[in-house]
Amino acid sequence: MNDNTAIAIISVVGVIIGALISSTTNYIVEYNKNKKQNNLNKIKQDILIKMLQDKAFEWRKLSTLSKVIGSTEEETKNHLIVIGARGSEKESEMWGLILNHPLENIRKTENE
């Protein structure tokens, strides 16, 4: 094997090792970033559940829920759907847990 071949092989091996290190580093960074975001989402969803389970309130305003968890209204809506909540049929700002406001009750109240 001549010197040029050895240099070429070493260069290719170096590129492969560099690519593997870079890919692994990117994966670890993204994994940690997603893990932190998932933990934050879980905390926000737990807060929303506690707020919607509060017997002092039949329904909660979206703006209040958003302020408490520090999210936009759109993000809050996504969290609410994930935890099993729904919007009120009568007032667009109001949200409650489906457990407390089952959908099968909608027809009964609409027909009355």
Protein backbone atom coordinates (compact mmCIF):
# COMPACT_ATOMS: atom_id res chain seq x y z
CA MET A 1 0.00 0.00 0.00
CA ASN A 2 1.43 3.35 -0.97
CA ASP A 3 1.29 6.59 1.01
CA ASN A 4 -1.57 8.08 -1.06
CA THR A 5 -3.81 5.08 -0.43
CA ALA A 6 -3.09 5.15 3.32
CA ILE A 7 -3.88 8.89 3.46
CA ALA A 8 -7.14 8.31 1.55
CA ILE A 9 -8.21 5.49 3.89
CA ILE A 10 -7.37 7.54 6.99
CA SER A 11 -9.32 10.49 5.57
CA VAL A 12 -12.42 8.37 4.88
CA VAL A 13 -12.27 6.81 8.35
CA GLY A 14 -11.92 10.30 9.86
CA VAL A 15 -14.97 11.56 7.96
CA ILE A 16 -17.03 8.54 9.08
CA ILE A 17 -15.99 8.97 12.73
CA GLY A 18 -16.72 12.71 12.57
CA ALA A 19 -20.16 12.08 11.09
CA LEU A 20 -20.97 9.49 13.77
CA ILE A 21 -19.88 11.83 16.57
CA SER A 22 -21.88 14.71 15.11
CA SER A 23 -25.01 12.58 14.66
CA THR A 24 -24.75 11.17 18.16
CA THR A 25 -24.29 14.62 19.67
CA ASN A 26 -27.31 15.98 17.76
CA TYR A 27 -29.42 13.03 18.89
CA ILE A 28 -28.48 13.54 22.55
CA VAL A 29 -29.19 17.29 22.39
CA GLU A 30 -32.61 16.73 20.76
CA TYR A 31 -33.47 13.94 23.19
CA ASN A 32 -32.74 16.15 26.20
CA LYS A 33 -34.61 19.08 24.68
CA ASN A 34 -37.69 16.91 24.02
CA LYS A 35 -37.48 15.35 27.48
CA LYS A 36 -37.52 18.80 29.11
CA GLN A 37 -40.46 19.90 26.92
CA ASN A 38 -42.39 16.72 27.71
CA ASN A 39 -41.82 17.25 31.43
CA LEU A 40 -43.02 20.84 31.15
CA ASN A 41 -46.11 19.73 29.20
CA LYS A 42 -46.92 17.13 31.87
CA ILE A 43 -46.69 19.76 34.62
CA LYS A 44 -48.96 22.14 32.66
CA GLN A 45 -51.49 19.38 32.04
CA ASP A 46 -51.52 18.40 35.71
CA ILE A 47 -52.25 22.03 36.64
CA LEU A 48 -55.09 22.19 34.10
CA ILE A 49 -56.62 18.99 35.49
CA LYS A 50 -56.52 20.36 39.04
CA MET A 51 -58.12 23.61 37.91
CA LEU A 52 -60.90 21.83 35.99
CA GLN A 53 -61.59 19.45 38.88
CA ASP A 54 -62.14 22.34 41.29
CA LYS A 55 -65.77 22.01 42.42
CA ALA A 56 -66.03 25.77 42.91
CA PHE A 57 -66.11 26.22 39.12
CA GLU A 58 -68.43 24.41 36.73
CA TRP A 59 -66.50 25.71 33.70
CA ARG A 60 -63.21 27.65 33.37
CA LYS A 61 -62.31 30.50 31.01
CA LEU A 62 -59.65 29.67 28.43
CA SER A 63 -57.90 32.97 29.13
CA THR A 64 -57.59 32.09 32.83
CA LEU A 65 -56.30 28.60 32.10
CA SER A 66 -53.74 30.03 29.65
CA LYS A 67 -52.48 32.63 32.12
CA VAL A 68 -52.05 30.12 34.93
CA ILE A 69 -49.93 27.69 32.88
CA GLY A 70 -48.09 30.41 30.95
CA SER A 71 -49.08 29.23 27.48
CA THR A 72 -50.81 30.77 24.51
CA GLU A 73 -54.50 30.05 24.14
CA GLU A 74 -53.76 27.77 21.18
CA GLU A 75 -51.20 25.75 23.17
CA THR A 76 -53.61 25.61 26.09
CA LYS A 77 -56.36 24.24 23.84
CA ASN A 78 -54.00 21.47 22.73
CA HIS A 79 -53.22 20.60 26.36
CA LEU A 80 -56.93 20.63 27.20
CA ILE A 81 -57.74 18.19 24.42
CA VAL A 82 -54.93 15.88 25.56
CA ILE A 83 -56.26 15.77 29.14
CA GLY A 84 -59.83 15.05 28.04
CA ALA A 85 -61.45 18.47 28.22
CA ARG A 86 -63.86 20.14 25.83
CA GLY A 87 -65.22 23.56 25.10
CA SER A 88 -68.69 24.62 26.18
CA GLU A 89 -71.47 24.48 23.61
CA LYS A 90 -72.93 27.75 24.85
CA GLU A 91 -69.90 29.89 25.69
CA SER A 92 -66.83 29.62 23.46
CA GLU A 93 -64.40 30.82 26.16
CA MET A 94 -65.40 28.13 28.67
CA TRP A 95 -63.79 24.70 29.08
CA GLY A 96 -64.45 21.69 31.29
CA LEU A 97 -63.46 18.07 31.64
CA ILE A 98 -65.51 15.67 29.51
CA LEU A 99 -65.75 13.52 32.64
CA ASN A 100 -67.76 16.32 34.29
CA HIS A 101 -69.54 17.41 31.10
CA PRO A 102 -70.19 14.28 29.01
CA LEU A 103 -70.99 14.78 25.37
CA GLU A 104 -74.12 12.61 25.54
CA ASN A 105 -75.70 15.30 27.76
CA ILE A 106 -75.49 17.85 24.92
CA ARG A 107 -78.53 16.57 23.03
CA LYS A 108 -80.64 16.44 26.18
CA THR A 109 -79.95 20.10 27.02
CA GLU A 110 -80.29 21.26 23.40
CA ASN A 111 -83.70 19.58 22.97
CA GLU A 112 -85.13 20.94 26.23
